N, C-alpha and C. Protein backbone atom coordinates (compact mmCIF):
# COMPACT_ATOMS: atom_id res chain seq x y z
N UNK A 1 17.21 -15.69 2.12
CA UNK A 1 15.87 -15.94 1.63
C UNK A 1 15.94 -16.60 0.26
N UNK A 2 15.17 -17.64 0.08
CA UNK A 2 15.13 -18.35 -1.19
C UNK A 2 14.45 -17.48 -2.25
N UNK A 3 14.95 -17.56 -3.46
CA UNK A 3 14.35 -16.77 -4.53
C UNK A 3 13.75 -17.65 -5.61
N UNK A 4 13.81 -18.96 -5.46
CA UNK A 4 13.20 -19.84 -6.44
C UNK A 4 11.69 -19.72 -6.37
N UNK A 5 11.07 -19.72 -7.54
CA UNK A 5 9.62 -19.63 -7.60
C UNK A 5 8.99 -20.84 -6.93
N UNK A 6 7.96 -20.58 -6.15
CA UNK A 6 7.17 -21.66 -5.55
C UNK A 6 6.14 -22.15 -6.56
N UNK A 7 5.52 -21.20 -7.22
CA UNK A 7 4.59 -21.45 -8.33
C UNK A 7 4.84 -20.31 -9.32
N UNK A 8 4.98 -20.63 -10.59
CA UNK A 8 5.18 -19.59 -11.59
C UNK A 8 3.84 -18.97 -11.98
N UNK A 9 3.91 -17.75 -12.53
CA UNK A 9 2.70 -17.03 -12.93
C UNK A 9 1.84 -17.86 -13.87
N UNK A 10 2.45 -18.50 -14.85
CA UNK A 10 1.68 -19.30 -15.81
C UNK A 10 0.93 -20.43 -15.11
N UNK A 11 1.53 -21.03 -14.11
CA UNK A 11 0.88 -22.09 -13.36
C UNK A 11 -0.27 -21.52 -12.52
N UNK A 12 -0.06 -20.35 -11.92
CA UNK A 12 -1.13 -19.69 -11.18
C UNK A 12 -2.33 -19.46 -12.09
N UNK A 13 -2.07 -18.99 -13.31
CA UNK A 13 -3.15 -18.75 -14.27
C UNK A 13 -3.93 -20.02 -14.59
N UNK A 14 -3.21 -21.14 -14.70
CA UNK A 14 -3.86 -22.43 -15.00
C UNK A 14 -4.70 -22.90 -13.81
N UNK A 15 -4.18 -22.73 -12.60
CA UNK A 15 -4.87 -23.21 -11.41
C UNK A 15 -6.05 -22.33 -11.05
N UNK A 16 -5.90 -21.03 -11.18
CA UNK A 16 -6.92 -20.08 -10.72
C UNK A 16 -7.30 -19.07 -11.80
N UNK A 17 -7.82 -19.54 -12.94
CA UNK A 17 -8.16 -18.58 -14.00
C UNK A 17 -9.22 -17.58 -13.58
N UNK A 18 -10.11 -17.97 -12.68
CA UNK A 18 -11.16 -17.05 -12.24
C UNK A 18 -10.56 -15.92 -11.39
N UNK A 19 -9.58 -16.26 -10.55
CA UNK A 19 -8.92 -15.23 -9.74
C UNK A 19 -8.18 -14.25 -10.64
N UNK A 20 -7.46 -14.78 -11.62
CA UNK A 20 -6.75 -13.89 -12.54
C UNK A 20 -7.74 -13.02 -13.31
N UNK A 21 -8.84 -13.63 -13.75
CA UNK A 21 -9.85 -12.88 -14.51
C UNK A 21 -10.45 -11.76 -13.65
N UNK A 22 -10.69 -12.03 -12.39
CA UNK A 22 -11.27 -11.01 -11.50
C UNK A 22 -10.32 -9.84 -11.32
N UNK A 23 -9.06 -10.14 -11.09
CA UNK A 23 -8.08 -9.06 -10.92
C UNK A 23 -7.85 -8.32 -12.24
N UNK A 24 -7.87 -9.05 -13.33
CA UNK A 24 -7.73 -8.42 -14.64
C UNK A 24 -8.91 -7.51 -14.94
N UNK A 25 -10.11 -7.93 -14.53
CA UNK A 25 -11.30 -7.09 -14.73
C UNK A 25 -11.18 -5.78 -13.95
N UNK A 26 -10.66 -5.86 -12.74
CA UNK A 26 -10.47 -4.64 -11.94
C UNK A 26 -9.46 -3.72 -12.64
N UNK A 27 -8.37 -4.29 -13.12
CA UNK A 27 -7.37 -3.49 -13.84
C UNK A 27 -7.96 -2.88 -15.11
N UNK A 28 -8.80 -3.65 -15.81
CA UNK A 28 -9.44 -3.13 -17.02
C UNK A 28 -10.37 -1.97 -16.69
N UNK A 29 -11.11 -2.08 -15.59
CA UNK A 29 -12.00 -0.99 -15.18
C UNK A 29 -11.19 0.28 -14.93
N UNK A 30 -10.05 0.13 -14.28
CA UNK A 30 -9.17 1.29 -14.05
C UNK A 30 -8.67 1.83 -15.38
N UNK A 31 -8.22 0.94 -16.26
CA UNK A 31 -7.72 1.35 -17.57
C UNK A 31 -8.76 2.06 -18.40
N UNK A 32 -10.01 1.61 -18.29
CA UNK A 32 -11.10 2.21 -19.06
C UNK A 32 -11.65 3.49 -18.43
N UNK A 33 -11.19 3.82 -17.23
CA UNK A 33 -11.73 4.96 -16.50
C UNK A 33 -11.28 6.32 -17.04
N UNK A 34 -10.22 6.31 -17.81
CA UNK A 34 -9.68 7.57 -18.31
C UNK A 34 -8.47 8.07 -17.54
N UNK A 35 -8.15 7.41 -16.42
CA UNK A 35 -6.92 7.79 -15.70
C UNK A 35 -5.73 7.60 -16.62
N UNK A 36 -4.78 8.49 -16.52
CA UNK A 36 -3.58 8.41 -17.34
C UNK A 36 -2.83 7.11 -17.04
N UNK A 37 -2.57 6.34 -18.10
CA UNK A 37 -1.92 5.03 -17.93
C UNK A 37 -0.50 5.15 -17.38
N UNK A 38 0.21 6.20 -17.76
CA UNK A 38 1.56 6.41 -17.22
C UNK A 38 1.49 6.64 -15.71
N UNK A 39 0.50 7.40 -15.27
CA UNK A 39 0.32 7.65 -13.84
C UNK A 39 0.00 6.36 -13.10
N UNK A 40 -0.91 5.56 -13.65
CA UNK A 40 -1.26 4.32 -12.95
C UNK A 40 -0.08 3.36 -12.91
N UNK A 41 0.77 3.38 -13.91
CA UNK A 41 1.95 2.51 -13.85
C UNK A 41 2.93 3.00 -12.78
N UNK A 42 3.08 4.31 -12.64
CA UNK A 42 3.96 4.83 -11.58
C UNK A 42 3.48 4.39 -10.20
N UNK A 43 2.17 4.45 -9.97
CA UNK A 43 1.69 4.07 -8.64
C UNK A 43 1.81 2.57 -8.43
N UNK A 44 1.67 1.80 -9.48
CA UNK A 44 1.83 0.34 -9.35
C UNK A 44 3.29 -0.02 -9.07
N UNK A 45 4.19 0.69 -9.69
CA UNK A 45 5.62 0.47 -9.41
C UNK A 45 5.92 0.82 -7.96
N UNK A 46 5.42 1.97 -7.51
CA UNK A 46 5.71 2.41 -6.14
C UNK A 46 5.14 1.45 -5.11
N UNK A 47 3.91 1.02 -5.25
CA UNK A 47 3.34 0.05 -4.30
C UNK A 47 4.13 -1.25 -4.32
N UNK A 48 4.52 -1.68 -5.50
CA UNK A 48 5.28 -2.93 -5.62
C UNK A 48 6.66 -2.80 -4.98
N UNK A 49 7.27 -1.62 -5.08
CA UNK A 49 8.54 -1.39 -4.38
C UNK A 49 8.35 -1.49 -2.88
N UNK A 50 7.33 -0.83 -2.37
CA UNK A 50 7.06 -0.85 -0.93
C UNK A 50 6.85 -2.28 -0.46
N UNK A 51 6.10 -3.05 -1.23
CA UNK A 51 5.78 -4.42 -0.85
C UNK A 51 6.91 -5.41 -1.14
N UNK A 52 7.92 -4.97 -1.88
CA UNK A 52 9.04 -5.85 -2.20
C UNK A 52 8.69 -6.93 -3.21
N UNK A 53 7.82 -6.60 -4.15
CA UNK A 53 7.37 -7.59 -5.14
C UNK A 53 8.18 -7.46 -6.43
N UNK A 54 9.16 -8.31 -6.57
CA UNK A 54 10.06 -8.28 -7.72
C UNK A 54 9.30 -8.45 -9.03
N UNK A 55 8.41 -9.43 -9.08
CA UNK A 55 7.64 -9.70 -10.30
C UNK A 55 6.88 -8.45 -10.74
N UNK A 56 6.13 -7.85 -9.81
CA UNK A 56 5.28 -6.71 -10.16
C UNK A 56 6.10 -5.46 -10.49
N UNK A 57 7.20 -5.24 -9.78
CA UNK A 57 8.06 -4.10 -10.13
C UNK A 57 8.50 -4.23 -11.59
N UNK A 58 9.04 -5.40 -11.95
CA UNK A 58 9.52 -5.59 -13.32
C UNK A 58 8.39 -5.52 -14.34
N UNK A 59 7.26 -6.15 -14.03
CA UNK A 59 6.11 -6.16 -14.93
C UNK A 59 5.66 -4.72 -15.23
N UNK A 60 5.55 -3.90 -14.18
CA UNK A 60 5.05 -2.54 -14.38
C UNK A 60 6.11 -1.58 -14.91
N UNK A 61 7.37 -1.87 -14.68
CA UNK A 61 8.42 -1.11 -15.36
C UNK A 61 8.31 -1.34 -16.87
N UNK A 62 8.11 -2.59 -17.26
CA UNK A 62 7.96 -2.92 -18.69
C UNK A 62 6.78 -2.15 -19.29
N UNK A 63 5.63 -2.16 -18.60
CA UNK A 63 4.46 -1.44 -19.11
C UNK A 63 4.67 0.08 -19.12
N UNK A 64 5.28 0.59 -18.07
CA UNK A 64 5.52 2.04 -18.00
C UNK A 64 6.36 2.51 -19.19
N UNK A 65 7.35 1.73 -19.55
CA UNK A 65 8.18 2.08 -20.72
C UNK A 65 7.32 2.12 -21.98
N UNK A 66 6.41 1.16 -22.12
CA UNK A 66 5.51 1.14 -23.29
C UNK A 66 4.63 2.38 -23.33
N UNK A 67 4.23 2.89 -22.17
CA UNK A 67 3.37 4.07 -22.10
C UNK A 67 4.17 5.36 -22.11
N UNK A 68 5.48 5.28 -22.29
CA UNK A 68 6.29 6.48 -22.46
C UNK A 68 6.71 7.19 -21.18
N UNK A 69 6.67 6.49 -20.04
CA UNK A 69 7.15 7.12 -18.81
C UNK A 69 8.65 7.33 -18.95
N UNK A 70 9.13 8.55 -18.73
CA UNK A 70 10.57 8.82 -18.87
C UNK A 70 11.41 7.96 -17.93
N UNK A 71 12.54 7.53 -18.42
CA UNK A 71 13.42 6.67 -17.62
C UNK A 71 13.82 7.32 -16.31
N UNK A 72 14.02 8.63 -16.31
CA UNK A 72 14.39 9.33 -15.08
C UNK A 72 13.33 9.15 -14.01
N UNK A 73 12.07 9.21 -14.38
CA UNK A 73 10.99 9.00 -13.40
C UNK A 73 11.00 7.56 -12.90
N UNK A 74 11.25 6.62 -13.80
CA UNK A 74 11.31 5.22 -13.38
C UNK A 74 12.47 5.00 -12.42
N UNK A 75 13.58 5.67 -12.69
CA UNK A 75 14.76 5.54 -11.82
C UNK A 75 14.52 6.14 -10.44
N UNK A 76 13.70 7.20 -10.37
CA UNK A 76 13.56 7.96 -9.12
C UNK A 76 12.23 7.80 -8.41
N UNK A 77 11.35 6.93 -8.88
CA UNK A 77 10.04 6.81 -8.25
C UNK A 77 10.15 6.37 -6.79
N UNK A 78 11.17 5.62 -6.43
CA UNK A 78 11.34 5.19 -5.04
C UNK A 78 11.63 6.37 -4.11
N UNK A 79 12.16 7.44 -4.66
CA UNK A 79 12.49 8.64 -3.87
C UNK A 79 11.77 9.86 -4.43
N UNK A 80 10.54 9.68 -4.83
CA UNK A 80 9.78 10.69 -5.54
C UNK A 80 9.66 12.01 -4.79
N UNK A 81 9.59 11.96 -3.47
CA UNK A 81 9.41 13.20 -2.69
C UNK A 81 10.59 14.17 -2.89
N UNK A 82 11.78 13.63 -3.04
CA UNK A 82 12.98 14.45 -3.13
C UNK A 82 13.51 14.60 -4.54
N UNK A 83 12.91 13.92 -5.50
CA UNK A 83 13.45 13.88 -6.86
C UNK A 83 13.31 15.20 -7.61
N UNK A 84 12.25 15.95 -7.34
CA UNK A 84 12.06 17.23 -8.02
C UNK A 84 11.63 17.11 -9.47
N UNK A 85 11.20 15.94 -9.92
CA UNK A 85 10.81 15.77 -11.33
C UNK A 85 9.35 15.33 -11.51
N UNK A 86 8.67 15.06 -10.41
CA UNK A 86 7.29 14.61 -10.50
C UNK A 86 6.35 15.81 -10.37
N UNK A 87 5.32 15.84 -11.21
CA UNK A 87 4.37 16.95 -11.13
C UNK A 87 3.44 16.77 -9.92
N UNK A 88 2.66 17.79 -9.63
CA UNK A 88 1.81 17.78 -8.44
C UNK A 88 0.83 16.62 -8.45
N UNK A 89 0.26 16.34 -9.58
CA UNK A 89 -0.70 15.23 -9.70
C UNK A 89 -0.02 13.89 -9.40
N UNK A 90 1.15 13.69 -9.97
CA UNK A 90 1.90 12.45 -9.72
C UNK A 90 2.27 12.32 -8.24
N UNK A 91 2.69 13.42 -7.65
CA UNK A 91 3.09 13.39 -6.24
C UNK A 91 1.92 13.06 -5.33
N UNK A 92 0.77 13.62 -5.61
CA UNK A 92 -0.42 13.32 -4.80
C UNK A 92 -0.81 11.85 -5.00
N UNK A 93 -0.76 11.37 -6.23
CA UNK A 93 -1.10 9.97 -6.50
C UNK A 93 -0.12 9.02 -5.79
N UNK A 94 1.14 9.36 -5.78
CA UNK A 94 2.14 8.53 -5.10
C UNK A 94 1.95 8.58 -3.58
N UNK A 95 1.60 9.74 -3.06
CA UNK A 95 1.33 9.85 -1.62
C UNK A 95 0.10 9.02 -1.25
N UNK A 96 -0.94 9.08 -2.06
CA UNK A 96 -2.16 8.30 -1.82
C UNK A 96 -1.84 6.80 -1.88
N UNK A 97 -1.02 6.42 -2.84
CA UNK A 97 -0.59 5.03 -2.97
C UNK A 97 0.11 4.57 -1.71
N UNK A 98 1.02 5.39 -1.21
CA UNK A 98 1.75 5.02 0.00
C UNK A 98 0.82 4.94 1.20
N UNK A 99 -0.13 5.86 1.30
CA UNK A 99 -1.08 5.84 2.42
C UNK A 99 -1.90 4.55 2.41
N UNK A 100 -2.33 4.12 1.24
CA UNK A 100 -3.14 2.91 1.13
C UNK A 100 -2.31 1.63 1.26
N UNK A 101 -1.07 1.69 0.83
CA UNK A 101 -0.21 0.50 0.90
C UNK A 101 0.32 0.30 2.31
N UNK A 102 0.57 1.38 3.02
CA UNK A 102 1.04 1.31 4.41
C UNK A 102 -0.12 1.40 5.40
N UNK A 103 -1.30 1.00 4.98
CA UNK A 103 -2.49 1.15 5.81
C UNK A 103 -2.30 0.46 7.17
N UNK A 104 -2.81 1.11 8.19
CA UNK A 104 -2.71 0.60 9.56
C UNK A 104 -4.11 0.36 10.10
N UNK A 105 -4.23 -0.21 11.29
CA UNK A 105 -5.57 -0.37 11.87
C UNK A 105 -6.32 0.96 12.03
N UNK A 106 -5.59 2.07 12.09
CA UNK A 106 -6.23 3.38 12.20
C UNK A 106 -6.87 3.82 10.88
N UNK A 107 -6.56 3.15 9.80
CA UNK A 107 -7.12 3.49 8.49
C UNK A 107 -6.32 4.57 7.79
N UNK A 108 -6.93 5.19 6.82
CA UNK A 108 -6.28 6.24 6.04
C UNK A 108 -6.61 7.58 6.68
N UNK A 109 -5.61 8.39 6.89
CA UNK A 109 -5.77 9.69 7.56
C UNK A 109 -6.63 10.64 6.73
N UNK A 110 -7.41 11.45 7.43
CA UNK A 110 -8.24 12.45 6.78
C UNK A 110 -7.39 13.40 5.93
N UNK A 111 -6.20 13.72 6.43
CA UNK A 111 -5.32 14.64 5.68
C UNK A 111 -4.91 14.05 4.34
N UNK A 112 -4.64 12.73 4.32
CA UNK A 112 -4.27 12.07 3.07
C UNK A 112 -5.43 12.11 2.07
N UNK A 113 -6.64 11.83 2.58
CA UNK A 113 -7.81 11.89 1.71
C UNK A 113 -8.03 13.30 1.18
N UNK A 114 -7.94 14.29 2.06
CA UNK A 114 -8.17 15.69 1.66
C UNK A 114 -7.16 16.12 0.60
N UNK A 115 -5.91 15.72 0.76
CA UNK A 115 -4.88 16.08 -0.23
C UNK A 115 -5.18 15.44 -1.58
N UNK A 116 -5.60 14.20 -1.56
CA UNK A 116 -5.92 13.50 -2.81
C UNK A 116 -7.16 14.11 -3.46
N UNK A 117 -8.13 14.47 -2.66
CA UNK A 117 -9.40 15.01 -3.17
C UNK A 117 -9.22 16.40 -3.77
N UNK A 118 -8.19 17.13 -3.35
CA UNK A 118 -7.91 18.45 -3.94
C UNK A 118 -7.45 18.34 -5.39
N UNK A 119 -6.81 17.22 -5.72
CA UNK A 119 -6.21 17.07 -7.04
C UNK A 119 -7.04 16.17 -7.96
N UNK A 120 -7.69 15.18 -7.39
CA UNK A 120 -8.46 14.22 -8.18
C UNK A 120 -9.95 14.39 -7.91
N UNK A 121 -10.74 14.36 -8.99
CA UNK A 121 -12.18 14.41 -8.77
C UNK A 121 -12.64 13.07 -8.19
N UNK A 122 -13.89 12.99 -7.82
CA UNK A 122 -14.39 11.81 -7.12
C UNK A 122 -14.19 10.53 -7.93
N UNK A 123 -14.53 10.56 -9.20
CA UNK A 123 -14.37 9.39 -10.06
C UNK A 123 -12.90 8.99 -10.19
N UNK A 124 -12.04 9.96 -10.42
CA UNK A 124 -10.61 9.67 -10.53
C UNK A 124 -10.07 9.04 -9.24
N UNK A 125 -10.50 9.58 -8.11
CA UNK A 125 -10.02 9.05 -6.83
C UNK A 125 -10.52 7.63 -6.59
N UNK A 126 -11.74 7.35 -7.00
CA UNK A 126 -12.27 5.99 -6.87
C UNK A 126 -11.41 5.02 -7.70
N UNK A 127 -11.12 5.38 -8.93
CA UNK A 127 -10.34 4.48 -9.79
C UNK A 127 -8.87 4.43 -9.39
N UNK A 128 -8.33 5.53 -8.91
CA UNK A 128 -6.96 5.51 -8.40
C UNK A 128 -6.88 4.55 -7.20
N UNK A 129 -7.87 4.61 -6.34
CA UNK A 129 -7.92 3.73 -5.18
C UNK A 129 -8.07 2.27 -5.61
N UNK A 130 -8.88 2.03 -6.63
CA UNK A 130 -9.03 0.67 -7.16
C UNK A 130 -7.71 0.16 -7.74
N UNK A 131 -6.96 1.05 -8.38
CA UNK A 131 -5.66 0.65 -8.94
C UNK A 131 -4.70 0.26 -7.82
N UNK A 132 -4.69 1.03 -6.74
CA UNK A 132 -3.81 0.71 -5.60
C UNK A 132 -4.25 -0.61 -4.96
N UNK A 133 -5.54 -0.81 -4.80
CA UNK A 133 -6.04 -2.07 -4.23
C UNK A 133 -5.66 -3.25 -5.11
N UNK A 134 -5.79 -3.09 -6.41
CA UNK A 134 -5.47 -4.15 -7.35
C UNK A 134 -3.99 -4.54 -7.29
N UNK A 135 -3.12 -3.54 -7.31
CA UNK A 135 -1.69 -3.88 -7.30
C UNK A 135 -1.28 -4.49 -5.97
N UNK A 136 -1.88 -4.05 -4.88
CA UNK A 136 -1.57 -4.66 -3.59
C UNK A 136 -2.01 -6.12 -3.56
N UNK A 137 -3.15 -6.44 -4.16
CA UNK A 137 -3.60 -7.83 -4.25
C UNK A 137 -2.62 -8.65 -5.09
N UNK A 138 -2.25 -8.11 -6.26
CA UNK A 138 -1.28 -8.82 -7.11
C UNK A 138 0.06 -9.00 -6.39
N UNK A 139 0.51 -7.97 -5.67
CA UNK A 139 1.77 -8.08 -4.93
C UNK A 139 1.74 -9.26 -3.98
N UNK A 140 0.65 -9.40 -3.26
CA UNK A 140 0.56 -10.47 -2.27
C UNK A 140 0.55 -11.85 -2.92
N UNK A 141 -0.11 -11.97 -4.06
CA UNK A 141 -0.12 -13.25 -4.78
C UNK A 141 1.27 -13.56 -5.33
N UNK A 142 1.85 -12.58 -6.02
CA UNK A 142 3.16 -12.80 -6.65
C UNK A 142 4.25 -13.07 -5.62
N UNK A 143 4.16 -12.39 -4.48
CA UNK A 143 5.17 -12.60 -3.43
C UNK A 143 4.99 -13.96 -2.74
N UNK A 144 3.77 -14.36 -2.52
CA UNK A 144 3.51 -15.64 -1.87
C UNK A 144 4.11 -16.79 -2.66
N UNK A 145 3.99 -16.70 -3.99
CA UNK A 145 4.46 -17.78 -4.84
C UNK A 145 5.82 -17.50 -5.49
N UNK A 146 6.37 -16.30 -5.20
CA UNK A 146 7.68 -15.91 -5.75
C UNK A 146 7.74 -16.06 -7.27
N UNK A 147 6.74 -15.49 -7.95
CA UNK A 147 6.76 -15.51 -9.41
C UNK A 147 8.11 -14.98 -9.90
N UNK A 148 8.68 -15.63 -10.90
CA UNK A 148 9.89 -15.11 -11.53
C UNK A 148 9.55 -13.83 -12.27
N UNK A 149 10.40 -12.80 -12.17
CA UNK A 149 10.08 -11.54 -12.85
C UNK A 149 10.09 -11.72 -14.37
N UNK A 150 9.19 -11.02 -15.06
CA UNK A 150 9.14 -11.11 -16.52
C UNK A 150 10.37 -10.43 -17.12
N UNK A 151 10.89 -11.02 -18.15
CA UNK A 151 12.08 -10.48 -18.82
C UNK A 151 11.68 -9.24 -19.62
N UNK A 152 12.38 -8.12 -19.41
CA UNK A 152 12.08 -6.92 -20.22
C UNK A 152 12.30 -7.22 -21.71
N UNK A 153 11.49 -6.59 -22.56
CA UNK A 153 11.56 -6.85 -23.99
C UNK A 153 12.95 -6.64 -24.58
N UNK A 154 13.65 -5.59 -24.09
CA UNK A 154 14.98 -5.31 -24.66
C UNK A 154 16.00 -6.39 -24.30
N UNK A 155 15.71 -7.21 -23.28
CA UNK A 155 16.62 -8.28 -22.88
C UNK A 155 16.13 -9.66 -23.29
N UNK A 156 14.99 -9.73 -23.97
CA UNK A 156 14.37 -11.01 -24.28
C UNK A 156 15.24 -11.88 -25.18
N UNK A 157 16.03 -11.27 -26.06
CA UNK A 157 16.85 -12.07 -26.97
C UNK A 157 18.26 -12.30 -26.45
N UNK A 158 18.58 -11.70 -25.31
CA UNK A 158 19.94 -11.81 -24.76
C UNK A 158 20.21 -13.18 -24.18
């Protein structure tokens, strides 16, 4: 599989500033909702891993580090069920993320919704769902054009 970018992120922004603005507005609404930013970065990383989006995985790893997500959690988010280091809220959010990212024609199972609703209030669940929808949209754009992953800050001068 070719890994050369078809269109770089900066070019996408120039061509479709309204699309970027719309997705950015959705992300801002989630950010302004009061959901923990470290939690939302974990779910964005997990959805991006599932979707195989190199750009988004790296982008959200960079942000997660800024928000103080421990490196161990970043290392183990792909195997969160067995890691033993994620709290109940994180685990439910990651399960909800997986349910929405692996959505099938049957939709989201009632059990998945019930589990999420036990931990998140209605507003939190709405914004958590919006965060998952947003990252899945970004994944599809970034993967279609094979955006080059952003260089982590610690490697920027290397």
